[in-house]
Protein backbone atom coordinates (compact mmCIF):
# COMPACT_ATOMS: atom_id res chain seq x y z
CA UNK A 1 112.77 103.72 93.58
CA UNK A 2 109.39 102.51 94.81
CA UNK A 3 111.05 99.28 96.01
CA UNK A 4 113.68 101.33 97.77
CA UNK A 5 110.92 103.40 99.39
CA UNK A 6 109.28 100.24 100.72
CA UNK A 7 112.53 98.77 102.07
CA UNK A 8 113.63 102.03 103.76
CA UNK A 9 110.21 102.63 105.30
CA UNK A 10 109.91 99.06 106.52
CA UNK A 11 113.33 98.99 108.14
CA UNK A 12 112.90 102.38 109.84
CA UNK A 13 109.38 101.70 111.09
CA UNK A 14 110.10 98.16 112.18
CA UNK A 15 113.20 99.08 114.23
CA UNK A 16 111.46 102.02 115.99
CA UNK A 17 108.31 99.94 116.60
CA UNK A 18 110.27 97.01 117.98
CA UNK A 19 112.03 99.16 120.59
CA UNK A 20 108.87 100.99 121.70
CA UNK A 21 106.67 97.87 121.80
CA UNK A 22 109.18 96.11 124.01
CA UNK A 23 109.49 99.00 126.42
CA UNK A 24 105.75 99.76 126.61
CA UNK A 25 104.60 96.17 126.71
CA UNK A 26 101.50 96.83 124.56
CA UNK A 27 100.20 95.59 121.27
CA UNK A 28 102.07 97.26 118.41
CA UNK A 29 98.76 98.09 116.73
CA UNK A 30 97.83 100.24 119.69
CA UNK A 31 100.83 102.54 119.16
CA UNK A 32 100.11 105.34 116.70
CA UNK A 33 102.77 105.37 113.96
CA UNK A 34 103.41 109.10 114.30
CA UNK A 35 104.27 108.59 117.96
CA UNK A 36 107.38 106.72 116.89
CA UNK A 37 108.74 110.04 115.53
CA UNK A 38 108.40 111.85 118.84
CA UNK A 39 111.90 113.02 119.76
CA UNK A 40 110.91 113.38 123.43
CA UNK A 41 109.59 109.84 123.98
CA UNK A 42 110.78 107.55 121.20
CA UNK A 43 114.40 106.36 121.43
CA UNK A 44 114.69 105.75 117.67
CA UNK A 45 112.76 108.83 116.56
CA UNK A 46 115.70 109.97 114.42
CA UNK A 47 115.76 106.63 112.57
CA UNK A 48 112.00 106.69 112.08
CA UNK A 49 111.90 110.26 110.77
CA UNK A 50 114.90 109.77 108.46
CA UNK A 51 113.29 106.66 107.06
CA UNK A 52 110.13 108.68 106.26
CA UNK A 53 112.22 111.37 104.60
CA UNK A 54 114.15 108.88 102.48
CA UNK A 55 111.10 106.79 101.63
CA UNK A 56 109.14 109.89 100.57
CA UNK A 57 111.99 110.99 98.33
CA UNK A 58 112.26 107.54 96.72
CA UNK A 59 108.50 107.36 96.19
CA UNK A 60 108.56 110.82 94.59
CA UNK A 61 111.32 109.73 92.19
CA UNK A 62 109.52 106.44 91.48
CA UNK A 63 106.43 108.24 90.29
CA UNK A 64 108.56 110.04 87.71
CA UNK A 65 109.00 106.66 85.97
CA UNK A 66 105.23 106.25 85.81
CA UNK A 67 104.85 109.72 84.28
CA UNK A 68 107.36 109.11 81.48
CA UNK A 69 106.48 105.44 80.89
CA UNK A 70 102.72 105.82 80.38
CA UNK A 71 101.55 108.88 78.36
CA UNK A 72 97.81 108.49 79.01
CA UNK A 73 96.15 111.13 81.24
CA UNK A 74 95.01 108.73 83.98
CA UNK A 75 98.47 107.19 84.48
CA UNK A 76 100.01 110.64 84.58
CA UNK A 77 97.39 111.75 87.13
CA UNK A 78 98.41 108.76 89.27
CA UNK A 79 102.05 109.81 88.88
CA UNK A 80 101.33 113.41 89.93
CA UNK A 81 99.22 112.42 92.91
CA UNK A 82 101.76 109.75 93.88
CA UNK A 83 104.53 112.37 93.83
CA UNK A 84 102.47 114.54 96.15
CA UNK A 85 101.97 111.59 98.53
CA UNK A 86 105.74 111.03 98.44
CA UNK A 87 106.31 114.69 99.21
CA UNK A 88 103.89 114.64 102.15
CA UNK A 89 105.57 111.47 103.45
CA UNK A 90 108.97 113.15 103.37
CA UNK A 91 107.52 116.23 105.09
CA UNK A 92 106.22 114.04 107.90
CA UNK A 93 109.84 113.08 108.51
CA UNK A 94 110.79 116.75 108.53
CA UNK A 95 107.90 117.79 110.76
CA UNK A 96 107.29 114.95 113.30
CA UNK A 97 104.73 115.19 116.04
CA UNK A 98 106.98 117.53 118.03
CA UNK A 99 106.08 120.21 115.45
CA UNK A 100 102.40 119.56 116.13
CA UNK A 101 100.81 122.31 114.02
CA UNK A 102 102.74 121.45 110.84
CA UNK A 103 102.57 117.71 111.52
CA UNK A 104 98.80 117.78 111.60
CA UNK A 105 98.60 119.66 108.30
CA UNK A 106 101.10 117.37 106.54
CA UNK A 107 99.47 114.21 107.96
CA UNK A 108 96.06 115.31 106.75
CA UNK A 109 97.50 116.03 103.32
CA UNK A 110 99.06 112.58 103.31
CA UNK A 111 95.75 110.98 104.25
CA UNK A 112 93.79 112.79 101.55
CA UNK A 113 96.55 112.21 99.00
CA UNK A 114 96.58 108.50 99.76
CA UNK A 115 92.82 108.32 99.29
CA UNK A 116 93.00 110.15 95.95
CA UNK A 117 95.91 108.01 94.76
CA UNK A 118 94.14 104.74 95.43
CA UNK A 119 90.85 106.00 93.98
CA UNK A 120 92.72 106.73 90.74
CA UNK A 121 94.31 103.24 90.85
CA UNK A 122 90.86 101.77 91.43
CA UNK A 123 89.54 103.56 88.32
CA UNK A 124 92.61 102.62 86.28
CA UNK A 125 92.03 98.90 86.93
CA UNK A 126 88.75 98.88 85.01
CA UNK A 127 89.95 100.62 81.84
CA UNK A 128 91.24 98.93 78.74
CA UNK A 129 94.96 98.08 78.87
CA UNK A 130 95.15 98.83 82.55
CA UNK A 131 98.59 99.12 84.12
CA UNK A 132 97.28 97.94 87.54
CA UNK A 133 97.61 94.33 88.62
CA UNK A 134 95.01 92.52 90.75
CA UNK A 135 97.26 92.68 93.79
CA UNK A 136 97.67 96.49 93.42
CA UNK A 137 93.90 96.72 92.94
CA UNK A 138 93.26 94.78 96.15
CA UNK A 139 95.69 96.93 98.12
CA UNK A 140 94.01 100.07 96.70
CA UNK A 141 90.60 98.81 97.85
CA UNK A 142 92.01 98.14 101.35
CA UNK A 143 93.66 101.58 101.42
CA UNK A 144 90.46 103.30 100.31
CA UNK A 145 88.39 101.66 103.05
CA UNK A 146 91.00 102.50 105.65
CA UNK A 147 91.33 106.10 104.44
CA UNK A 148 87.61 106.68 104.60
CA UNK A 149 87.58 105.21 108.11
CA UNK A 150 90.31 107.60 109.25
CA UNK A 151 88.64 110.57 107.53
CA UNK A 152 85.40 109.88 109.42
CA UNK A 153 87.28 109.74 112.73
CA UNK A 154 89.32 112.86 112.04
CA UNK A 155 88.52 115.96 114.01
CA UNK A 156 88.56 118.56 111.25
CA UNK A 157 88.75 121.48 113.67
CA UNK A 158 92.08 120.22 115.07
CA UNK A 159 93.19 118.06 112.11
CA UNK A 160 93.83 115.30 114.63
CA UNK A 161 92.25 112.10 115.91
CA UNK A 162 90.62 111.43 119.28
CA UNK A 163 93.09 109.96 121.80
CA UNK A 164 92.96 106.24 122.60
CA UNK A 165 92.02 105.41 126.15
CA UNK A 166 94.17 102.92 128.05
CA UNK A 167 96.04 101.56 125.01
CA UNK A 168 97.56 98.80 127.14
CA UNK A 169 94.20 97.05 127.64
CA UNK A 170 91.87 98.30 124.91
CA UNK A 171 91.84 98.01 121.15
CA UNK A 172 92.55 101.37 119.42
CA UNK A 173 90.75 101.73 116.09
CA UNK A 174 92.62 104.92 115.14
CA UNK A 175 96.10 103.31 115.57
CA UNK A 176 95.09 100.10 113.86
CA UNK A 177 93.62 101.97 110.88
CA UNK A 178 96.84 103.99 110.61
CA UNK A 179 98.94 100.83 110.61
CA UNK A 180 96.77 99.17 107.96
CA UNK A 181 97.03 102.24 105.67
CA UNK A 182 100.81 102.36 106.26
CA UNK A 183 101.27 98.68 105.40
CA UNK A 184 98.95 98.95 102.38
CA UNK A 185 101.01 101.84 101.03
CA UNK A 186 104.30 100.00 101.62
CA UNK A 187 103.04 96.86 99.84
CA UNK A 188 101.60 99.09 97.09
CA UNK A 189 105.12 100.46 96.50
CA UNK A 190 106.52 96.92 96.28
CA UNK A 191 103.88 95.69 93.80
CA UNK A 192 104.08 98.92 91.76
CA UNK A 193 107.87 98.60 91.54
CA UNK A 194 107.72 95.02 90.31
CA UNK A 195 104.94 95.87 87.81
CA UNK A 196 106.80 98.95 86.53
CA UNK A 197 109.98 96.88 86.03
CA UNK A 198 108.05 94.43 83.83
CA UNK A 199 106.53 97.23 81.76
CA UNK A 200 109.86 99.02 81.27
CA UNK A 201 111.61 95.80 80.26
CA UNK A 202 108.79 95.09 77.78
CA UNK A 203 109.06 98.61 76.33
CA UNK A 204 112.82 98.29 75.99
CA UNK A 205 112.42 94.94 74.22
CA UNK A 206 109.92 96.46 71.77
CA UNK A 207 112.19 99.41 71.13
CA UNK A 208 115.08 97.10 70.26
CA UNK A 209 112.92 95.20 67.83
CA UNK A 210 111.82 98.35 66.10
CA UNK A 211 115.41 99.55 65.94
CA UNK A 212 116.56 96.23 64.47
CA UNK A 213 113.76 96.33 61.91
């Protein structure tokens, strides 16, 4: 499910970004990801929002595997927070930027949830018999840094970020940070899916041995 989330999100985002970047003639990192879901200005807004909805649902289901595979409290906390991140991702597809009030709330919840999720993964890496690989740990560190950067730039009175001036000619830190967090979360889904598959196969192999004994 986490691999499906990554594939669906990548295809939806890439197609919408490709169309908008070609028409606007600007760097793709200067386009805010949530602008791709604007029904009034983005030609593939429907594709983008449906990809968020499907990816969020798949990520939510993928965290169920974590919850039932690893019984320790920290792994189950990661599963619960991950399911909330998946839920917020799906809600961003339901409430794109056209529904500005709800979109701001859901996006802020997604940002805070992502930070909490990767902080838990960071802590999990240093415990005995950690379920986190070094690649997942590196992605979590990158996501933590980017999340803190976005939190510091967030206007908490509006739950929104300051607009980027002249995005065609100037580097936009807000948009770039959003893209880095998005890519880190997508790659995190891929690595988590591969890691979970190995753990589940190992558990099934052990179960067969015990059954045979």
